[in-house]
PDB file of N, CA and C in Angstrom:
ATOM      1  N   LEU A   1     176.284 156.078 159.672  1.00  0.00           N
ATOM      2  CA  LEU A   1     176.890 154.719 159.228  1.00  0.00           C
ATOM      3  C   LEU A   1     175.890 154.176 158.281  1.00  0.00           C
ATOM      4  N   ASP A   2     176.455 153.544 157.175  1.00  0.00           N
ATOM      5  CA  ASP A   2     175.576 152.881 156.207  1.00  0.00           C
ATOM      6  C   ASP A   2     174.696 151.802 156.842  1.00  0.00           C
ATOM      7  N   TRP A   3     175.369 150.909 157.628  1.00  0.00           N
ATOM      8  CA  TRP A   3     174.744 149.732 158.245  1.00  0.00           C
ATOM      9  C   TRP A   3     173.616 150.155 159.164  1.00  0.00           C
ATOM     10  N   VAL A   4     173.767 151.319 159.848  1.00  0.00           N
ATOM     11  CA  VAL A   4     172.778 151.787 160.750  1.00  0.00           C
ATOM     12  C   VAL A   4     171.471 152.344 159.901  1.00  0.00           C
ATOM     13  N   ARG A   5     171.839 152.988 158.845  1.00  0.00           N
ATOM     14  CA  ARG A   5     170.663 153.513 157.976  1.00  0.00           C
ATOM     15  C   ARG A   5     170.001 152.329 157.312  1.00  0.00           C
ATOM     16  N   ALA A   6     170.716 151.349 156.921  1.00  0.00           N
ATOM     17  CA  ALA A   6     170.192 150.162 156.233  1.00  0.00           C
ATOM     18  C   ALA A   6     169.226 149.436 157.242  1.00  0.00           C
ATOM     19  N   ARG A   7     169.550 149.390 158.515  1.00  0.00           N
ATOM     20  CA  ARG A   7     168.781 148.627 159.424  1.00  0.00           C
ATOM     21  C   ARG A   7     167.509 149.327 160.086  1.00  0.00           C
ATOM     22  N   TRP A   8     167.848 150.504 160.269  1.00  0.00           N
ATOM     23  CA  TRP A   8     166.785 151.563 160.929  1.00  0.00           C
ATOM     24  C   TRP A   8     166.416 152.691 160.086  1.00  0.00           C
ATOM     25  N   PRO A   9     165.416 152.687 159.282  1.00  0.00           N
ATOM     26  CA  PRO A   9     165.087 153.870 158.484  1.00  0.00           C
ATOM     27  C   PRO A   9     164.974 155.234 159.174  1.00  0.00           C
ATOM     28  N   ARG A  10     164.650 155.203 160.573  1.00  0.00           N
ATOM     29  CA  ARG A  10     164.640 156.447 161.239  1.00  0.00           C
ATOM     30  C   ARG A  10     165.978 157.139 161.358  1.00  0.00           C
ATOM     31  N   ALA A  11     167.077 156.355 160.987  1.00  0.00           N
ATOM     32  CA  ALA A  11     168.441 157.013 161.038  1.00  0.00           C
ATOM     33  C   ALA A  11     168.560 158.097 160.041  1.00  0.00           C
ATOM     34  N   ALA A  12     167.648 158.068 159.064  1.00  0.00           N
ATOM     35  CA  ALA A  12     167.727 159.242 158.087  1.00  0.00           C
ATOM     36  C   ALA A  12     167.128 160.575 158.691  1.00  0.00           C
ATOM     37  N   VAL A  13     166.450 160.424 159.753  1.00  0.00           N
ATOM     38  CA  VAL A  13     165.918 161.732 160.430  1.00  0.00           C
ATOM     39  C   VAL A  13     167.018 162.279 161.282  1.00  0.00           C
ATOM     40  N   PRO A  14     167.451 163.505 160.995  1.00  0.00           N
ATOM     41  CA  PRO A  14     168.498 164.141 161.804  1.00  0.00           C
ATOM     42  C   PRO A  14     168.149 164.236 163.201  1.00  0.00           C
ATOM     43  N   VAL A  15     169.080 164.072 164.116  1.00  0.00           N
ATOM     44  CA  VAL A  15     168.844 164.088 165.535  1.00  0.00           C
ATOM     45  C   VAL A  15     169.595 165.396 166.063  1.00  0.00           C
ATOM     46  N   ARG A  16     168.990 166.126 166.937  1.00  0.00           N
ATOM     47  CA  ARG A  16     169.601 167.232 167.447  1.00  0.00           C
ATOM     48  C   ARG A  16     170.050 166.956 168.927  1.00  0.00           C
ATOM     49  N   ILE A  17     170.990 167.795 169.404  1.00  0.00           N
ATOM     50  CA  ILE A  17     171.631 167.737 170.702  1.00  0.00           C
ATOM     51  C   ILE A  17     171.308 168.989 171.348  1.00  0.00           C
ATOM     52  N   ARG A  18     170.897 169.001 172.560  1.00  0.00           N
ATOM     53  CA  ARG A  18     170.744 170.248 173.384  1.00  0.00           C
ATOM     54  C   ARG A  18     171.258 170.123 174.763  1.00  0.00           C
ATOM     55  N   ALA A  19     171.628 171.107 175.443  1.00  0.00           N
ATOM     56  CA  ALA A  19     171.929 170.975 176.817  1.00  0.00           C
ATOM     57  C   ALA A  19     170.674 170.805 177.599  1.00  0.00           C
ATOM     58  N   ARG A  20     170.818 170.104 178.690  1.00  0.00           N
ATOM     59  CA  ARG A  20     169.716 169.733 179.573  1.00  0.00           C
ATOM     60  C   ARG A  20     169.990 170.318 180.940  1.00  0.00           C
ATOM     61  N   ALA A  21     168.975 170.992 181.526  1.00  0.00           N
ATOM     62  CA  ALA A  21     169.106 171.571 182.839  1.00  0.00           C
ATOM     63  C   ALA A  21     169.259 170.371 183.848  1.00  0.00           C
ATOM     64  N   GLY A  22     170.046 170.537 184.902  1.00  0.00           N
ATOM     65  CA  GLY A  22     170.264 169.539 185.863  1.00  0.00           C
ATOM     66  C   GLY A  22     171.357 168.637 185.391  1.00  0.00           C
ATOM     67  N   ASN A  23     171.899 167.776 186.213  1.00  0.00           N
ATOM     68  CA  ASN A  23     172.994 166.897 185.997  1.00  0.00           C
ATOM     69  C   ASN A  23     172.754 165.450 186.267  1.00  0.00           C
ATOM     70  N   ALA A  24     171.501 165.095 186.543  1.00  0.00           N
ATOM     71  CA  ALA A  24     171.169 163.784 186.951  1.00  0.00           C
ATOM     72  C   ALA A  24     170.825 162.812 185.819  1.00  0.00           C
ATOM     73  N   ALA A  25     170.412 163.309 184.672  1.00  0.00           N
ATOM     74  CA  ALA A  25     169.932 162.353 183.665  1.00  0.00           C
ATOM     75  C   ALA A  25     170.049 163.051 182.190  1.00  0.00           C
ATOM     76  N   ALA A  26     170.210 162.100 181.222  1.00  0.00           N
ATOM     77  CA  ALA A  26     170.115 162.379 179.809  1.00  0.00           C
ATOM     78  C   ALA A  26     168.751 161.846 179.413  1.00  0.00           C
ATOM     79  N   HIS A  27     168.160 162.488 178.278  1.00  0.00           N
ATOM     80  CA  HIS A  27     166.991 161.923 177.756  1.00  0.00           C
ATOM     81  C   HIS A  27     166.740 162.232 176.265  1.00  0.00           C
ATOM     82  N   TYR A  28     165.793 161.497 175.644  1.00  0.00           N
ATOM     83  CA  TYR A  28     165.486 161.686 174.245  1.00  0.00           C
ATOM     84  C   TYR A  28     164.011 162.254 174.159  1.00  0.00           C
ATOM     85  N   GLU A  29     163.912 163.277 173.244  1.00  0.00           N
ATOM     86  CA  GLU A  29     162.600 163.828 173.069  1.00  0.00           C
ATOM     87  C   GLU A  29     162.143 163.483 171.654  1.00  0.00           C
ATOM     88  N   ASN A  30     161.191 162.621 171.580  1.00  0.00           N
ATOM     89  CA  ASN A  30     160.732 162.111 170.236  1.00  0.00           C
ATOM     90  C   ASN A  30     160.115 163.059 169.402  1.00  0.00           C
ATOM     91  N   ASP A  31     159.368 163.959 170.004  1.00  0.00           N
ATOM     92  CA  ASP A  31     158.517 164.876 169.150  1.00  0.00           C
ATOM     93  C   ASP A  31     159.367 165.910 168.377  1.00  0.00           C
ATOM     94  N   CYS A  32     160.589 166.140 168.825  1.00  0.00           N
ATOM     95  CA  CYS A  32     161.576 167.042 168.217  1.00  0.00           C
ATOM     96  C   CYS A  32     162.799 166.423 167.893  1.00  0.00           C
ATOM     97  N   ALA A  33     162.968 165.100 167.999  1.00  0.00           N
ATOM     98  CA  ALA A  33     164.162 164.373 167.534  1.00  0.00           C
ATOM     99  C   ALA A  33     165.454 164.880 168.145  1.00  0.00           C
ATOM    100  N   THR A  34     165.328 165.081 169.586  1.00  0.00           N
ATOM    101  CA  THR A  34     166.433 165.758 170.271  1.00  0.00           C
ATOM    102  C   THR A  34     166.895 164.814 171.435  1.00  0.00           C
ATOM    103  N   ILE A  35     168.271 164.875 171.582  1.00  0.00           N
ATOM    104  CA  ILE A  35     168.924 164.301 172.731  1.00  0.00           C
ATOM    105  C   ILE A  35     169.219 165.361 173.679  1.00  0.00           C
ATOM    106  N   ALA A  36     168.846 165.286 174.913  1.00  0.00           N
ATOM    107  CA  ALA A  36     169.183 166.297 175.914  1.00  0.00           C
ATOM    108  C   ALA A  36     170.199 165.743 176.900  1.00  0.00           C
ATOM    109  N   LEU A  37     171.365 166.474 176.876  1.00  0.00           N
ATOM    110  CA  LEU A  37     172.523 165.961 177.674  1.00  0.00           C
ATOM    111  C   LEU A  37     172.890 167.070 178.739  1.00  0.00           C
ATOM    112  N   PRO A  38     173.046 166.624 179.962  1.00  0.00           N
ATOM    113  CA  PRO A  38     173.599 167.654 180.897  1.00  0.00           C
ATOM    114  C   PRO A  38     174.938 168.257 180.538  1.00  0.00           C
ATOM    115  N   GLU A  39     175.011 169.537 180.773  1.00  0.00           N
ATOM    116  CA  GLU A  39     176.358 170.128 180.408  1.00  0.00           C
ATOM    117  C   GLU A  39     177.551 169.650 181.347  1.00  0.00           C
ATOM    118  N   HIS A  40     178.679 169.772 180.741  1.00  0.00           N
ATOM    119  CA  HIS A  40     179.867 169.428 181.392  1.00  0.00           C
ATOM    120  C   HIS A  40     180.142 170.406 182.499  1.00  0.00           C
ATOM    121  N   ARG A  41     179.943 169.907 183.851  1.00  0.00           N
ATOM    122  CA  ARG A  41     180.135 170.854 185.044  1.00  0.00           C
ATOM    123  C   ARG A  41     180.918 170.247 186.033  1.00  0.00           C
ATOM    124  N   SER A  42     181.685 170.983 186.695  1.00  0.00           N
ATOM    125  CA  SER A  42     182.475 170.457 187.957  1.00  0.00           C
ATOM    126  C   SER A  42     183.315 169.330 187.487  1.00  0.00           C
ATOM    127  N   ASN A  43     184.011 169.353 186.389  1.00  0.00           N
ATOM    128  CA  ASN A  43     184.790 168.303 185.869  1.00  0.00           C
ATOM    129  C   ASN A  43     184.134 166.929 185.619  1.00  0.00           C
ATOM    130  N   THR A  44     182.808 166.997 185.447  1.00  0.00           N
ATOM    131  CA  THR A  44     182.103 165.796 185.139  1.00  0.00           C
ATOM    132  C   THR A  44     181.451 165.895 183.835  1.00  0.00           C
ATOM    133  N   ALA A  45     181.603 164.758 183.073  1.00  0.00           N
ATOM    134  CA  ALA A  45     180.981 164.794 181.688  1.00  0.00           C
ATOM    135  C   ALA A  45     180.451 163.427 181.421  1.00  0.00           C
ATOM    136  N   TRP A  46     179.809 162.754 182.407  1.00  0.00           N
ATOM    137  CA  TRP A  46     179.424 161.399 182.276  1.00  0.00           C
ATOM    138  C   TRP A  46     178.425 161.188 181.050  1.00  0.00           C
ATOM    139  N   ALA A  47     177.601 162.149 180.756  1.00  0.00           N
ATOM    140  CA  ALA A  47     176.617 162.146 179.812  1.00  0.00           C
ATOM    141  C   ALA A  47     177.262 162.144 178.229  1.00  0.00           C
ATOM    142  N   PHE A  48     178.442 162.503 178.226  1.00  0.00           N
ATOM    143  CA  PHE A  48     179.137 162.586 176.875  1.00  0.00           C
ATOM    144  C   PHE A  48     179.854 161.282 176.511  1.00  0.00           C
ATOM    145  N   ARG A  49     179.628 160.236 177.349  1.00  0.00           N
ATOM    146  CA  ARG A  49     180.221 158.886 177.050  1.00  0.00           C
ATOM    147  C   ARG A  49     179.477 158.250 175.964  1.00  0.00           C
ATOM    148  N   GLU A  50     180.232 157.376 175.172  1.00  0.00           N
ATOM    149  CA  GLU A  50     179.624 156.744 173.985  1.00  0.00           C
ATOM    150  C   GLU A  50     178.406 156.062 174.423  1.00  0.00           C
ATOM    151  N   MET A  51     178.439 155.304 175.499  1.00  0.00           N
ATOM    152  CA  MET A  51     177.238 154.393 175.897  1.00  0.00           C
ATOM    153  C   MET A  51     176.079 155.226 176.180  1.00  0.00           C
ATOM    154  N   VAL A  52     176.209 156.395 176.792  1.00  0.00           N
ATOM    155  CA  VAL A  52     175.020 157.240 177.093  1.00  0.00           C
ATOM    156  C   VAL A  52     174.460 157.764 175.659  1.00  0.00           C
ATOM    157  N   VAL A  53     175.353 158.154 174.803  1.00  0.00           N
ATOM    158  CA  VAL A  53     174.955 158.755 173.564  1.00  0.00           C
ATOM    159  C   VAL A  53     174.236 157.596 172.721  1.00  0.00           C
ATOM    160  N   LEU A  54     174.767 156.470 172.783  1.00  0.00           N
ATOM    161  CA  LEU A  54     174.184 155.310 171.948  1.00  0.00           C
ATOM    162  C   LEU A  54     172.915 154.873 172.622  1.00  0.00           C
ATOM    163  N   HIS A  55     172.778 154.941 173.865  1.00  0.00           N
ATOM    164  CA  HIS A  55     171.466 154.721 174.584  1.00  0.00           C
ATOM    165  C   HIS A  55     170.319 155.620 174.073  1.00  0.00           C
ATOM    166  N   GLU A  56     170.703 156.969 174.008  1.00  0.00           N
ATOM    167  CA  GLU A  56     169.647 157.945 173.547  1.00  0.00           C
ATOM    168  C   GLU A  56     169.445 157.649 171.992  1.00  0.00           C
ATOM    169  N   LEU A  57     170.499 157.333 171.328  1.00  0.00           N
ATOM    170  CA  LEU A  57     170.253 157.109 169.776  1.00  0.00           C
ATOM    171  C   LEU A  57     169.389 155.947 169.625  1.00  0.00           C
ATOM    172  N   SER A  58     169.463 154.948 170.624  1.00  0.00           N
ATOM    173  CA  SER A  58     168.535 153.719 170.463  1.00  0.00           C
ATOM    174  C   SER A  58     167.065 154.165 170.559  1.00  0.00           C
ATOM    175  N   HIS A  59     166.843 155.198 171.432  1.00  0.00           N
ATOM    176  CA  HIS A  59     165.501 155.710 171.497  1.00  0.00           C
ATOM    177  C   HIS A  59     165.125 156.336 170.099  1.00  0.00           C
ATOM    178  N   HIS A  60     166.060 157.161 169.543  1.00  0.00           N
ATOM    179  CA  HIS A  60     165.863 157.840 168.352  1.00  0.00           C
ATOM    180  C   HIS A  60     165.436 156.921 167.143  1.00  0.00           C
ATOM    181  N   LEU A  61     166.115 155.768 167.059  1.00  0.00           N
ATOM    182  CA  LEU A  61     165.942 154.800 165.997  1.00  0.00           C
ATOM    183  C   LEU A  61     164.684 154.034 166.137  1.00  0.00           C
ATOM    184  N   ASP A  62     163.946 154.147 167.214  1.00  0.00           N
ATOM    185  CA  ASP A  62     162.692 153.436 167.403  1.00  0.00           C
ATOM    186  C   ASP A  62     161.571 153.813 166.314  1.00  0.00           C
ATOM    187  N   PRO A  63     161.179 152.821 165.563  1.00  0.00           N
ATOM    188  CA  PRO A  63     160.281 153.229 164.431  1.00  0.00           C
ATOM    189  C   PRO A  63     158.825 153.496 164.973  1.00  0.00           C
ATOM    190  N   LEU A  64     158.606 153.137 166.097  1.00  0.00           N
ATOM    191  CA  LEU A  64     157.225 153.343 166.629  1.00  0.00           C
ATOM    192  C   LEU A  64     157.104 154.680 167.341  1.00  0.00           C
ATOM    193  N   ASP A  65     155.906 155.300 167.373  1.00  0.00           N
ATOM    194  CA  ASP A  65     155.657 156.382 168.073  1.00  0.00           C
ATOM    195  C   ASP A  65     155.448 156.046 169.561  1.00  0.00           C
ATOM    196  N   PRO A  66     156.114 156.726 170.558  1.00  0.00           N
ATOM    197  CA  PRO A  66     155.906 156.279 171.936  1.00  0.00           C
ATOM    198  C   PRO A  66     154.543 156.134 172.296  1.00  0.00           C
ATOM    199  N   GLU A  67     153.630 156.708 171.761  1.00  0.00           N
ATOM    200  CA  GLU A  67     152.276 156.649 172.129  1.00  0.00           C
ATOM    201  C   GLU A  67     151.629 155.249 171.785  1.00  0.00           C
ATOM    202  N   GLU A  68     152.313 154.723 170.696  1.00  0.00           N
ATOM    203  CA  GLU A  68     151.850 153.340 170.183  1.00  0.00           C
ATOM    204  C   GLU A  68     152.620 152.182 170.844  1.00  0.00           C
ATOM    205  N   ALA A  69     153.698 152.421 171.477  1.00  0.00           N
ATOM    206  CA  ALA A  69     154.641 151.399 171.935  1.00  0.00           C
ATOM    207  C   ALA A  69     153.834 150.622 173.020  1.00  0.00           C
ATOM    208  N   THR A  70     154.087 149.260 173.069  1.00  0.00           N
ATOM    209  CA  THR A  70     153.362 148.359 174.012  1.00  0.00           C
ATOM    210  C   THR A  70     154.433 147.846 174.995  1.00  0.00           C
ATOM    211  N   GLU A  71     155.646 147.849 174.598  1.00  0.00           N
ATOM    212  CA  GLU A  71     156.721 147.194 175.557  1.00  0.00           C
ATOM    213  C   GLU A  71     157.329 148.208 176.534  1.00  0.00           C
ATOM    214  N   GLY A  72     157.099 149.423 176.528  1.00  0.00           N
ATOM    215  CA  GLY A  72     157.860 150.317 177.365  1.00  0.00           C
ATOM    216  C   GLY A  72     159.132 150.839 176.651  1.00  0.00           C
ATOM    217  N   ALA A  73     159.587 151.922 177.252  1.00  0.00           N
ATOM    218  CA  ALA A  73     160.744 152.570 176.650  1.00  0.00           C
ATOM    219  C   ALA A  73     161.922 151.811 176.546  1.00  0.00           C
ATOM    220  N   HIS A  74     162.257 150.844 177.509  1.00  0.00           N
ATOM    221  CA  HIS A  74     163.396 150.008 177.471  1.00  0.00           C
ATOM    222  C   HIS A  74     163.083 148.585 177.330  1.00  0.00           C
ATOM    223  N   GLY A  75     162.148 148.114 176.518  1.00  0.00           N
ATOM    224  CA  GLY A  75     161.747 146.820 176.273  1.00  0.00           C
ATOM    225  C   GLY A  75     162.802 146.131 175.408  1.00  0.00           C
ATOM    226  N   PRO A  76     162.366 144.838 174.867  1.00  0.00           N
ATOM    227  CA  PRO A  76     163.228 144.092 174.115  1.00  0.00           C
ATOM    228  C   PRO A  76     163.700 144.714 172.820  1.00  0.00           C
ATOM    229  N   ALA A  77     162.818 145.460 171.983  1.00  0.00           N
ATOM    230  CA  ALA A  77     163.273 146.076 170.801  1.00  0.00           C
ATOM    231  C   ALA A  77     164.312 147.092 170.996  1.00  0.00           C
ATOM    232  N   PHE A  78     164.072 147.842 172.097  1.00  0.00           N
ATOM    233  CA  PHE A  78     165.098 148.824 172.599  1.00  0.00           C
ATOM    234  C   PHE A  78     166.459 148.215 172.769  1.00  0.00           C
ATOM    235  N   VAL A  79     166.419 147.166 173.694  1.00  0.00           N
ATOM    236  CA  VAL A  79     167.629 146.483 174.023  1.00  0.00           C
ATOM    237  C   VAL A  79     168.382 145.911 172.726  1.00  0.00           C
ATOM    238  N   ASP A  80     167.510 145.416 171.865  1.00  0.00           N
ATOM    239  CA  ASP A  80     168.124 144.940 170.545  1.00  0.00           C
ATOM    240  C   ASP A  80     168.920 146.001 169.905  1.00  0.00           C
ATOM    241  N   ARG A  81     168.274 147.226 169.717  1.00  0.00           N
ATOM    242  CA  ARG A  81     168.962 148.371 169.053  1.00  0.00           C
ATOM    243  C   ARG A  81     170.121 148.817 169.826  1.00  0.00           C
ATOM    244  N   PHE A  82     170.090 148.927 171.090  1.00  0.00           N
ATOM    245  CA  PHE A  82     171.148 149.288 171.868  1.00  0.00           C
ATOM    246  C   PHE A  82     172.357 148.401 171.720  1.00  0.00           C
ATOM    247  N   LEU A  83     172.203 147.082 171.849  1.00  0.00           N
ATOM    248  CA  LEU A  83     173.227 146.154 171.777  1.00  0.00           C
ATOM    249  C   LEU A  83     173.744 146.093 170.420  1.00  0.00           C
ATOM    250  N   ALA A  84     172.938 146.270 169.370  1.00  0.00           N
ATOM    251  CA  ALA A  84     173.418 146.268 168.039  1.00  0.00           C
ATOM    252  C   ALA A  84     174.341 147.507 167.795  1.00  0.00           C
ATOM    253  N   LEU A  85     173.892 148.695 168.336  1.00  0.00           N
ATOM    254  CA  LEU A  85     174.777 149.824 168.222  1.00  0.00           C
ATOM    255  C   LEU A  85     176.119 149.697 168.998  1.00  0.00           C
ATOM    256  N   ILE A  86     176.058 149.179 170.313  1.00  0.00           N
ATOM    257  CA  ILE A  86     177.251 149.003 171.069  1.00  0.00           C
ATOM    258  C   ILE A  86     178.087 147.985 170.363  1.00  0.00           C
ATOM    259  N   GLY A  87     177.560 146.930 169.884  1.00  0.00           N
ATOM    260  CA  GLY A  87     178.530 145.866 169.234  1.00  0.00           C
ATOM    261  C   GLY A  87     179.073 146.450 167.940  1.00  0.00           C
ATOM    262  N   GLY A  88     178.358 147.255 167.185  1.00  0.00           N
ATOM    263  CA  GLY A  88     178.888 147.690 165.857  1.00  0.00           C
ATOM    264  C   GLY A  88     179.723 148.920 166.116  1.00  0.00           C
ATOM    265  N   ILE A  89     179.726 149.743 166.992  1.00  0.00           N
ATOM    266  CA  ILE A  89     180.461 150.883 167.154  1.00  0.00           C
ATOM    267  C   ILE A  89     181.517 150.735 168.185  1.00  0.00           C
ATOM    268  N   ILE A  90     181.197 150.290 169.406  1.00  0.00           N
ATOM    269  CA  ILE A  90     182.256 150.134 170.386  1.00  0.00           C
ATOM    270  C   ILE A  90     183.014 148.778 170.214  1.00  0.00           C
ATOM    271  N   GLY A  91     182.136 147.770 169.900  1.00  0.00           N
ATOM    272  CA  GLY A  91     182.802 146.432 169.736  1.00  0.00           C
ATOM    273  C   GLY A  91     181.890 145.340 170.188  1.00  0.00           C
ATOM    274  N   PRO A  92     182.041 144.234 169.652  1.00  0.00           N
ATOM    275  CA  PRO A  92     181.232 143.081 170.073  1.00  0.00           C
ATOM    276  C   PRO A  92     181.498 142.634 171.523  1.00  0.00           C
ATOM    277  N   GLU A  93     182.702 142.838 171.864  1.00  0.00           N
ATOM    278  CA  GLU A  93     183.076 142.524 173.357  1.00  0.00           C
ATOM    279  C   GLU A  93     182.256 143.353 174.354  1.00  0.00           C
ATOM    280  N   ALA A  94     182.070 144.596 174.024  1.00  0.00           N
ATOM    281  CA  ALA A  94     181.228 145.527 174.907  1.00  0.00           C
ATOM    282  C   ALA A  94     179.704 144.970 174.902  1.00  0.00           C
ATOM    283  N   ALA A  95     179.305 144.562 173.795  1.00  0.00           N
ATOM    284  CA  ALA A  95     177.845 144.133 173.747  1.00  0.00           C
ATOM    285  C   ALA A  95     177.751 142.730 174.505  1.00  0.00           C
ATOM    286  N   PHE A  96     178.739 141.913 174.389  1.00  0.00           N
ATOM    287  CA  PHE A  96     178.732 140.722 175.045  1.00  0.00           C
ATOM    288  C   PHE A  96     178.898 140.948 176.612  1.00  0.00           C
ATOM    289  N   VAL A  97     179.654 141.825 177.132  1.00  0.00           N
ATOM    290  CA  VAL A  97     179.751 142.164 178.494  1.00  0.00           C
ATOM    291  C   VAL A  97     178.339 142.612 178.942  1.00  0.00           C
ATOM    292  N   LEU A  98     177.602 143.561 178.267  1.00  0.00           N
ATOM    293  CA  LEU A  98     176.352 143.914 178.676  1.00  0.00           C
ATOM    294  C   LEU A  98     175.351 142.750 178.831  1.00  0.00           C
ATOM    295  N   GLN A  99     175.367 141.869 177.809  1.00  0.00           N
ATOM    296  CA  GLN A  99     174.479 140.680 177.871  1.00  0.00           C
ATOM    297  C   GLN A  99     174.913 139.889 179.054  1.00  0.00           C
ATOM    298  N   ALA A 100     176.162 139.645 179.247  1.00  0.00           N
ATOM    299  CA  ALA A 100     176.551 138.843 180.417  1.00  0.00           C
ATOM    300  C   ALA A 100     176.262 139.548 181.746  1.00  0.00           C
ATOM    301  N   ALA A 101     176.060 140.822 181.785  1.00  0.00           N
ATOM    302  CA  ALA A 101     175.705 141.439 183.011  1.00  0.00           C
ATOM    303  C   ALA A 101     174.162 141.367 183.319  1.00  0.00           C
ATOM    304  N   GLY A 102     173.508 140.865 182.216  1.00  0.00           N
ATOM    305  CA  GLY A 102     172.041 140.740 182.491  1.00  0.00           C
ATOM    306  C   GLY A 102     171.067 141.433 181.533  1.00  0.00           C
ATOM    307  N   ILE A 103     171.623 142.033 180.672  1.00  0.00           N
ATOM    308  CA  ILE A 103     170.837 142.803 179.587  1.00  0.00           C
ATOM    309  C   ILE A 103     170.192 141.723 178.715  1.00  0.00           C
ATOM    310  N   SER A 104     168.955 141.550 178.630  1.00  0.00           N
ATOM    311  CA  SER A 104     168.353 140.556 177.819  1.00  0.00           C
ATOM    312  C   SER A 104     167.834 141.121 176.553  1.00  0.00           C
ATOM    313  N   THR A 105     167.765 140.427 175.443  1.00  0.00           N
ATOM    314  CA  THR A 105     167.085 140.899 174.205  1.00  0.00           C
ATOM    315  C   THR A 105     166.066 140.050 173.780  1.00  0.00           C
ATOM    316  N   ALA A 106     165.318 140.396 172.820  1.00  0.00           N
ATOM    317  CA  ALA A 106     164.199 139.598 172.263  1.00  0.00           C
ATOM    318  C   ALA A 106     164.792 138.362 171.540  1.00  0.00           C
ATOM    319  N   THR A 107     166.092 138.528 171.075  1.00  0.00           N
ATOM    320  CA  THR A 107     166.641 137.467 170.216  1.00  0.00           C
ATOM    321  C   THR A 107     167.868 136.817 170.833  1.00  0.00           C
ATOM    322  N   GLY A 108     168.360 137.330 171.872  1.00  0.00           N
ATOM    323  CA  GLY A 108     169.435 136.824 172.591  1.00  0.00           C
ATOM    324  C   GLY A 108     169.127 136.069 173.863  1.00  0.00           C
ATOM    325  N   PRO A 109     170.215 135.761 174.706  1.00  0.00           N
ATOM    326  CA  PRO A 109     169.881 135.039 175.898  1.00  0.00           C
ATOM    327  C   PRO A 109     169.040 135.824 176.863  1.00  0.00           C
ATOM    328  N   GLN A 110     168.222 135.174 177.488  1.00  0.00           N
ATOM    329  CA  GLN A 110     167.297 135.776 178.464  1.00  0.00           C
ATOM    330  C   GLN A 110     167.825 135.412 179.852  1.00  0.00           C
ATOM    331  N   ARG A 111     167.623 136.454 180.747  1.00  0.00           N
ATOM    332  CA  ARG A 111     168.088 136.300 182.100  1.00  0.00           C
ATOM    333  C   ARG A 111     167.009 136.675 183.068  1.00  0.00           C
TER     334      ARG A 111
END
């Protein structure tokens, strides 16, 4: 999306998707720009939901090397990226619900 590329230069870096062993978590691998998602098994595909994919893309869009980050993987800058993606792709109502549920951002309401 043009607005994503305009806001986060790292969006120009292609992201790969791969199957992840186990079914308990999805994760992002910065060194190879890869999102690892558990495979669809036993009629469960929780990791293929938009919110999960957008969460992992929020890690991908981080301009800082994880070794240089000082706020942790899910700090205020991550939350800002995540809520911006949620609001722009799923809708502003979804971002509002997440904020109302207690997700705080560096620029939004603090809880």
